[in-house]
């Protein structure tokens, strides 16, 4: 998947615990863990907005696009 979640980096920069952020965003610790490890295929804009608000960052600070990681034209999602 060419889009990677880099949430761990922002958590470290802001010195925020994933458990605390999950509670503030309103998602389970399991969902937060899946986000942090990149084992999700999508994210609600509402969740992304809350993450950005609470971490005082932009979406590009917690996600990155790496075209070398996959070619969407070959049917990957």
PDB file of N, CA and C in Angstrom:
ATOM      1  N   UNK A   1       0.844  -1.174   0.000  1.00  0.00           N
ATOM      2  CA  UNK A   1       0.000   0.000   0.000  1.00  0.00           C
ATOM      3  C   UNK A   1       0.890   1.239   0.000  1.00  0.00           C
ATOM      4  N   UNK A   2       0.730   2.115  -0.931  1.00  0.00           N
ATOM      5  CA  UNK A   2       1.610   3.285  -1.027  1.00  0.00           C
ATOM      6  C   UNK A   2       1.367   4.363   0.033  1.00  0.00           C
ATOM      7  N   UNK A   3       0.233   4.314   0.739  1.00  0.00           N
ATOM      8  CA  UNK A   3      -0.008   5.287   1.811  1.00  0.00           C
ATOM      9  C   UNK A   3       0.295   4.601   3.136  1.00  0.00           C
ATOM     10  N   UNK A   4       1.214   5.199   3.889  1.00  0.00           N
ATOM     11  CA  UNK A   4       1.610   4.649   5.186  1.00  0.00           C
ATOM     12  C   UNK A   4       1.229   5.605   6.297  1.00  0.00           C
ATOM     13  N   UNK A   5       0.789   5.045   7.406  1.00  0.00           N
ATOM     14  CA  UNK A   5       0.486   5.842   8.598  1.00  0.00           C
ATOM     15  C   UNK A   5       1.766   5.942   9.421  1.00  0.00           C
ATOM     16  N   UNK A   6       2.166   7.162   9.710  1.00  0.00           N
ATOM     17  CA  UNK A   6       3.379   7.411  10.493  1.00  0.00           C
ATOM     18  C   UNK A   6       3.015   8.044  11.837  1.00  0.00           C
ATOM     19  N   UNK A   7       1.927   7.598  12.390  1.00  0.00           N
ATOM     20  CA  UNK A   7       1.401   8.147  13.639  1.00  0.00           C
ATOM     21  C   UNK A   7       2.387   7.988  14.791  1.00  0.00           C
ATOM     22  N   UNK A   8       3.118   6.897  14.837  1.00  0.00           N
ATOM     23  CA  UNK A   8       4.095   6.671  15.905  1.00  0.00           C
ATOM     24  C   UNK A   8       5.108   7.804  16.009  1.00  0.00           C
ATOM     25  N   UNK A   9       5.531   8.300  14.877  1.00  0.00           N
ATOM     26  CA  UNK A   9       6.517   9.385  14.860  1.00  0.00           C
ATOM     27  C   UNK A   9       5.949  10.627  15.530  1.00  0.00           C
ATOM     28  N   UNK A  10       4.695  10.961  15.194  1.00  0.00           N
ATOM     29  CA  UNK A  10       4.076  12.152  15.776  1.00  0.00           C
ATOM     30  C   UNK A  10       3.793  11.956  17.263  1.00  0.00           C
ATOM     31  N   UNK A  11       3.423  10.743  17.655  1.00  0.00           N
ATOM     32  CA  UNK A  11       3.211  10.469  19.079  1.00  0.00           C
ATOM     33  C   UNK A  11       4.509  10.698  19.856  1.00  0.00           C
ATOM     34  N   UNK A  12       5.610  10.244  19.313  1.00  0.00           N
ATOM     35  CA  UNK A  12       6.902  10.427  19.974  1.00  0.00           C
ATOM     36  C   UNK A  12       7.279  11.910  20.031  1.00  0.00           C
ATOM     37  N   UNK A  13       7.059  12.620  18.946  1.00  0.00           N
ATOM     38  CA  UNK A  13       7.397  14.055  18.924  1.00  0.00           C
ATOM     39  C   UNK A  13       6.590  14.840  19.947  1.00  0.00           C
ATOM     40  N   UNK A  14       5.323  14.470  20.084  1.00  0.00           N
ATOM     41  CA  UNK A  14       4.428  15.190  21.002  1.00  0.00           C
ATOM     42  C   UNK A  14       4.461  14.613  22.422  1.00  0.00           C
ATOM     43  N   UNK A  15       5.196  13.497  22.590  1.00  0.00           N
ATOM     44  CA  UNK A  15       5.282  12.821  23.887  1.00  0.00           C
ATOM     45  C   UNK A  15       3.894  12.482  24.421  1.00  0.00           C
ATOM     46  N   UNK A  16       3.090  11.884  23.537  1.00  0.00           N
ATOM     47  CA  UNK A  16       1.722  11.476  23.865  1.00  0.00           C
ATOM     48  C   UNK A  16       1.662   9.960  23.834  1.00  0.00           C
ATOM     49  N   UNK A  17       1.001   9.376  24.819  1.00  0.00           N
ATOM     50  CA  UNK A  17       0.820   7.924  24.844  1.00  0.00           C
ATOM     51  C   UNK A  17      -0.358   7.547  23.963  1.00  0.00           C
ATOM     52  N   UNK A  18      -0.208   6.469  23.224  1.00  0.00           N
ATOM     53  CA  UNK A  18      -1.252   6.005  22.313  1.00  0.00           C
ATOM     54  C   UNK A  18      -2.543   5.737  23.061  1.00  0.00           C
ATOM     55  N   UNK A  19      -2.425   5.176  24.245  1.00  0.00           N
ATOM     56  CA  UNK A  19      -3.601   4.865  25.064  1.00  0.00           C
ATOM     57  C   UNK A  19      -4.393   6.142  25.388  1.00  0.00           C
ATOM     58  N   UNK A  20      -3.687   7.192  25.765  1.00  0.00           N
ATOM     59  CA  UNK A  20      -4.334   8.463  26.101  1.00  0.00           C
ATOM     60  C   UNK A  20      -4.967   9.100  24.870  1.00  0.00           C
ATOM     61  N   UNK A  21      -4.257   9.059  23.762  1.00  0.00           N
ATOM     62  CA  UNK A  21      -4.783   9.634  22.526  1.00  0.00           C
ATOM     63  C   UNK A  21      -6.027   8.883  22.063  1.00  0.00           C
ATOM     64  N   UNK A  22      -6.019   7.562  22.166  1.00  0.00           N
ATOM     65  CA  UNK A  22      -7.180   6.761  21.773  1.00  0.00           C
ATOM     66  C   UNK A  22      -8.406   7.186  22.563  1.00  0.00           C
ATOM     67  N   UNK A  23      -8.245   7.391  23.865  1.00  0.00           N
ATOM     68  CA  UNK A  23      -9.363   7.809  24.714  1.00  0.00           C
ATOM     69  C   UNK A  23      -9.884   9.179  24.296  1.00  0.00           C
ATOM     70  N   UNK A  24      -8.971  10.102  23.985  1.00  0.00           N
ATOM     71  CA  UNK A  24      -9.373  11.451  23.589  1.00  0.00           C
ATOM     72  C   UNK A  24     -10.065  11.464  22.225  1.00  0.00           C
ATOM     73  N   UNK A  25      -9.595  10.623  21.321  1.00  0.00           N
ATOM     74  CA  UNK A  25     -10.176  10.568  19.971  1.00  0.00           C
ATOM     75  C   UNK A  25     -11.518   9.845  19.994  1.00  0.00           C
ATOM     76  N   UNK A  26     -11.642   8.893  20.927  1.00  0.00           N
ATOM     77  CA  UNK A  26     -12.878   8.127  21.013  1.00  0.00           C
ATOM     78  C   UNK A  26     -12.811   6.815  20.247  1.00  0.00           C
ATOM     79  N   UNK A  27     -11.607   6.249  20.151  1.00  0.00           N
ATOM     80  CA  UNK A  27     -11.445   4.954  19.503  1.00  0.00           C
ATOM     81  C   UNK A  27     -10.826   3.992  20.517  1.00  0.00           C
ATOM     82  N   UNK A  28     -10.955   2.717  20.252  1.00  0.00           N
ATOM     83  CA  UNK A  28     -10.410   1.725  21.175  1.00  0.00           C
ATOM     84  C   UNK A  28      -8.884   1.683  21.069  1.00  0.00           C
ATOM     85  N   UNK A  29      -8.270   1.130  22.101  1.00  0.00           N
ATOM     86  CA  UNK A  29      -6.821   0.966  22.073  1.00  0.00           C
ATOM     87  C   UNK A  29      -6.425   0.013  20.947  1.00  0.00           C
ATOM     88  N   UNK A  30      -7.286  -0.955  20.664  1.00  0.00           N
ATOM     89  CA  UNK A  30      -7.021  -1.894  19.569  1.00  0.00           C
ATOM     90  C   UNK A  30      -7.012  -1.161  18.236  1.00  0.00           C
ATOM     91  N   UNK A  31      -7.996  -0.286  18.025  1.00  0.00           N
ATOM     92  CA  UNK A  31      -8.033   0.495  16.786  1.00  0.00           C
ATOM     93  C   UNK A  31      -6.800   1.386  16.673  1.00  0.00           C
ATOM     94  N   UNK A  32      -6.393   1.986  17.784  1.00  0.00           N
ATOM     95  CA  UNK A  32      -5.207   2.843  17.774  1.00  0.00           C
ATOM     96  C   UNK A  32      -3.974   2.015  17.423  1.00  0.00           C
ATOM     97  N   UNK A  33      -3.870   0.829  17.977  1.00  0.00           N
ATOM     98  CA  UNK A  33      -2.741  -0.040  17.680  1.00  0.00           C
ATOM     99  C   UNK A  33      -2.710  -0.404  16.201  1.00  0.00           C
ATOM    100  N   UNK A  34      -3.861  -0.708  15.635  1.00  0.00           N
ATOM    101  CA  UNK A  34      -3.934  -1.032  14.206  1.00  0.00           C
ATOM    102  C   UNK A  34      -3.524   0.159  13.351  1.00  0.00           C
ATOM    103  N   UNK A  35      -3.931   1.361  13.754  1.00  0.00           N
ATOM    104  CA  UNK A  35      -3.527   2.576  13.032  1.00  0.00           C
ATOM    105  C   UNK A  35      -2.012   2.760  13.110  1.00  0.00           C
ATOM    106  N   UNK A  36      -1.472   2.619  14.309  1.00  0.00           N
ATOM    107  CA  UNK A  36      -0.035   2.837  14.517  1.00  0.00           C
ATOM    108  C   UNK A  36       0.813   1.854  13.726  1.00  0.00           C
ATOM    109  N   UNK A  37       0.337   0.632  13.580  1.00  0.00           N
ATOM    110  CA  UNK A  37       1.112  -0.383  12.872  1.00  0.00           C
ATOM    111  C   UNK A  37       0.812  -0.419  11.378  1.00  0.00           C
ATOM    112  N   UNK A  38      -0.111   0.419  10.927  1.00  0.00           N
ATOM    113  CA  UNK A  38      -0.434   0.474   9.505  1.00  0.00           C
ATOM    114  C   UNK A  38      -1.261  -0.692   9.010  1.00  0.00           C
ATOM    115  N   UNK A  39      -1.939  -1.370   9.905  1.00  0.00           N
ATOM    116  CA  UNK A  39      -2.736  -2.536   9.524  1.00  0.00           C
ATOM    117  C   UNK A  39      -4.189  -2.176   9.261  1.00  0.00           C
ATOM    118  N   UNK A  40      -4.409  -0.991   8.732  1.00  0.00           N
ATOM    119  CA  UNK A  40      -5.754  -0.544   8.371  1.00  0.00           C
ATOM    120  C   UNK A  40      -5.778  -0.215   6.886  1.00  0.00           C
ATOM    121  N   UNK A  41      -6.930  -0.344   6.286  1.00  0.00           N
ATOM    122  CA  UNK A  41      -7.067  -0.016   4.866  1.00  0.00           C
ATOM    123  C   UNK A  41      -7.667   1.367   4.664  1.00  0.00           C
ATOM    124  N   UNK A  42      -8.129   1.967   5.746  1.00  0.00           N
ATOM    125  CA  UNK A  42      -8.725   3.281   5.635  1.00  0.00           C
ATOM    126  C   UNK A  42      -8.912   3.904   7.004  1.00  0.00           C
ATOM    127  N   UNK A  43      -9.268   5.180   6.990  1.00  0.00           N
ATOM    128  CA  UNK A  43      -9.492   5.917   8.229  1.00  0.00           C
ATOM    129  C   UNK A  43     -10.606   6.915   7.971  1.00  0.00           C
ATOM    130  N   UNK A  44     -11.505   7.046   8.907  1.00  0.00           N
ATOM    131  CA  UNK A  44     -12.577   8.042   8.773  1.00  0.00           C
ATOM    132  C   UNK A  44     -11.968   9.442   8.854  1.00  0.00           C
ATOM    133  N   UNK A  45     -12.527  10.352   8.078  1.00  0.00           N
ATOM    134  CA  UNK A  45     -12.044  11.734   8.130  1.00  0.00           C
ATOM    135  C   UNK A  45     -12.270  12.324   9.511  1.00  0.00           C
ATOM    136  N   UNK A  46     -13.331  11.910  10.183  1.00  0.00           N
ATOM    137  CA  UNK A  46     -13.603  12.391  11.527  1.00  0.00           C
ATOM    138  C   UNK A  46     -12.462  11.995  12.472  1.00  0.00           C
ATOM    139  N   UNK A  47     -12.008  10.750  12.370  1.00  0.00           N
ATOM    140  CA  UNK A  47     -10.894  10.278  13.189  1.00  0.00           C
ATOM    141  C   UNK A  47      -9.618  11.028  12.845  1.00  0.00           C
ATOM    142  N   UNK A  48      -9.360  11.189  11.556  1.00  0.00           N
ATOM    143  CA  UNK A  48      -8.175  11.922  11.110  1.00  0.00           C
ATOM    144  C   UNK A  48      -8.205  13.360  11.621  1.00  0.00           C
ATOM    145  N   UNK A  49      -9.361  13.990  11.559  1.00  0.00           N
ATOM    146  CA  UNK A  49      -9.497  15.371  12.039  1.00  0.00           C
ATOM    147  C   UNK A  49      -9.201  15.470  13.529  1.00  0.00           C
ATOM    148  N   UNK A  50      -9.723  14.529  14.306  1.00  0.00           N
ATOM    149  CA  UNK A  50      -9.481  14.541  15.755  1.00  0.00           C
ATOM    150  C   UNK A  50      -8.009  14.312  16.063  1.00  0.00           C
ATOM    151  N   UNK A  51      -7.387  13.386  15.353  1.00  0.00           N
ATOM    152  CA  UNK A  51      -5.961  13.141  15.556  1.00  0.00           C
ATOM    153  C   UNK A  51      -5.161  14.408  15.291  1.00  0.00           C
ATOM    154  N   UNK A  52      -5.466  15.066  14.185  1.00  0.00           N
ATOM    155  CA  UNK A  52      -4.739  16.290  13.827  1.00  0.00           C
ATOM    156  C   UNK A  52      -4.976  17.404  14.846  1.00  0.00           C
ATOM    157  N   UNK A  53      -6.200  17.534  15.311  1.00  0.00           N
ATOM    158  CA  UNK A  53      -6.512  18.559  16.308  1.00  0.00           C
ATOM    159  C   UNK A  53      -5.743  18.310  17.597  1.00  0.00           C
ATOM    160  N   UNK A  54      -5.811  17.080  18.093  1.00  0.00           N
ATOM    161  CA  UNK A  54      -5.180  16.750  19.371  1.00  0.00           C
ATOM    162  C   UNK A  54      -3.655  16.745  19.307  1.00  0.00           C
ATOM    163  N   UNK A  55      -3.106  16.407  18.147  1.00  0.00           N
ATOM    164  CA  UNK A  55      -1.646  16.390  17.993  1.00  0.00           C
ATOM    165  C   UNK A  55      -1.095  17.689  17.409  1.00  0.00           C
ATOM    166  N   UNK A  56      -2.002  18.632  17.114  1.00  0.00           N
ATOM    167  CA  UNK A  56      -1.617  19.919  16.523  1.00  0.00           C
ATOM    168  C   UNK A  56      -0.732  19.700  15.300  1.00  0.00           C
ATOM    169  N   UNK A  57      -1.277  18.932  14.343  1.00  0.00           N
ATOM    170  CA  UNK A  57      -0.511  18.621  13.139  1.00  0.00           C
ATOM    171  C   UNK A  57      -1.426  18.608  11.916  1.00  0.00           C
ATOM    172  N   UNK A  58      -0.850  18.366  10.779  1.00  0.00           N
ATOM    173  CA  UNK A  58      -1.573  18.250   9.516  1.00  0.00           C
ATOM    174  C   UNK A  58      -1.645  16.771   9.135  1.00  0.00           C
ATOM    175  N   UNK A  59      -2.613  16.382   8.292  1.00  0.00           N
ATOM    176  CA  UNK A  59      -2.702  14.981   7.870  1.00  0.00           C
ATOM    177  C   UNK A  59      -1.389  14.438   7.310  1.00  0.00           C
ATOM    178  N   UNK A  60      -0.655  15.250   6.604  1.00  0.00           N
ATOM    179  CA  UNK A  60       0.623  14.831   6.040  1.00  0.00           C
ATOM    180  C   UNK A  60       1.694  14.558   7.086  1.00  0.00           C
ATOM    181  N   UNK A  61       1.445  14.990   8.313  1.00  0.00           N
ATOM    182  CA  UNK A  61       2.386  14.720   9.391  1.00  0.00           C
ATOM    183  C   UNK A  61       2.216  13.317   9.969  1.00  0.00           C
ATOM    184  N   UNK A  62       1.059  12.700   9.719  1.00  0.00           N
ATOM    185  CA  UNK A  62       0.812  11.366  10.260  1.00  0.00           C
ATOM    186  C   UNK A  62       0.576  10.328   9.171  1.00  0.00           C
ATOM    187  N   UNK A  63       0.687  10.746   7.927  1.00  0.00           N
ATOM    188  CA  UNK A  63       0.587   9.829   6.794  1.00  0.00           C
ATOM    189  C   UNK A  63       1.587  10.259   5.734  1.00  0.00           C
ATOM    190  N   UNK A  64       2.060   9.290   4.963  1.00  0.00           N
ATOM    191  CA  UNK A  64       2.944   9.634   3.848  1.00  0.00           C
ATOM    192  C   UNK A  64       2.646   8.724   2.665  1.00  0.00           C
ATOM    193  N   UNK A  65       2.946   9.217   1.498  1.00  0.00           N
ATOM    194  CA  UNK A  65       2.719   8.479   0.256  1.00  0.00           C
ATOM    195  C   UNK A  65       4.067   8.042  -0.293  1.00  0.00           C
ATOM    196  N   UNK A  66       4.197   6.738  -0.523  1.00  0.00           N
ATOM    197  CA  UNK A  66       5.436   6.183  -1.070  1.00  0.00           C
ATOM    198  C   UNK A  66       5.070   5.309  -2.266  1.00  0.00           C
ATOM    199  N   UNK A  67       5.175   5.853  -3.481  1.00  0.00           N
ATOM    200  CA  UNK A  67       4.768   5.103  -4.658  1.00  0.00           C
ATOM    201  C   UNK A  67       5.528   3.806  -4.852  1.00  0.00           C
ATOM    202  N   UNK A  68       6.691   3.665  -4.259  1.00  0.00           N
ATOM    203  CA  UNK A  68       7.478   2.440  -4.393  1.00  0.00           C
ATOM    204  C   UNK A  68       6.850   1.279  -3.637  1.00  0.00           C
ATOM    205  N   UNK A  69       5.900   1.576  -2.739  1.00  0.00           N
ATOM    206  CA  UNK A  69       5.284   0.542  -1.920  1.00  0.00           C
ATOM    207  C   UNK A  69       4.137  -0.192  -2.618  1.00  0.00           C
ATOM    208  N   UNK A  70       3.718   0.239  -3.759  1.00  0.00           N
ATOM    209  CA  UNK A  70       2.630  -0.442  -4.449  1.00  0.00           C
ATOM    210  C   UNK A  70       2.144   0.349  -5.637  1.00  0.00           C
ATOM    211  N   UNK A  71       1.585  -0.359  -6.587  1.00  0.00           N
ATOM    212  CA  UNK A  71       1.071   0.262  -7.805  1.00  0.00           C
ATOM    213  C   UNK A  71      -0.431   0.066  -7.844  1.00  0.00           C
ATOM    214  N   UNK A  72      -1.194   1.132  -7.615  1.00  0.00           N
ATOM    215  CA  UNK A  72      -2.645   1.044  -7.586  1.00  0.00           C
ATOM    216  C   UNK A  72      -3.246   0.701  -8.949  1.00  0.00           C
ATOM    217  N   UNK A  73      -2.496   0.905 -10.008  1.00  0.00           N
ATOM    218  CA  UNK A  73      -3.025   0.604 -11.326  1.00  0.00           C
ATOM    219  C   UNK A  73      -3.088  -0.898 -11.588  1.00  0.00           C
ATOM    220  N   UNK A  74      -2.447  -1.694 -10.723  1.00  0.00           N
ATOM    221  CA  UNK A  74      -2.461  -3.141 -10.891  1.00  0.00           C
ATOM    222  C   UNK A  74      -3.522  -3.810 -10.042  1.00  0.00           C
ATOM    223  N   UNK A  75      -4.472  -3.039  -9.524  1.00  0.00           N
ATOM    224  CA  UNK A  75      -5.583  -3.604  -8.800  1.00  0.00           C
ATOM    225  C   UNK A  75      -5.409  -3.681  -7.296  1.00  0.00           C
ATOM    226  N   UNK A  76      -4.323  -3.158  -6.743  1.00  0.00           N
ATOM    227  CA  UNK A  76      -4.169  -3.129  -5.302  1.00  0.00           C
ATOM    228  C   UNK A  76      -5.025  -2.016  -4.752  1.00  0.00           C
ATOM    229  N   UNK A  77      -5.508  -2.186  -3.507  1.00  0.00           N
ATOM    230  CA  UNK A  77      -6.295  -1.135  -2.849  1.00  0.00           C
ATOM    231  C   UNK A  77      -5.529  -0.491  -1.760  1.00  0.00           C
TER     232      UNK A  77
END
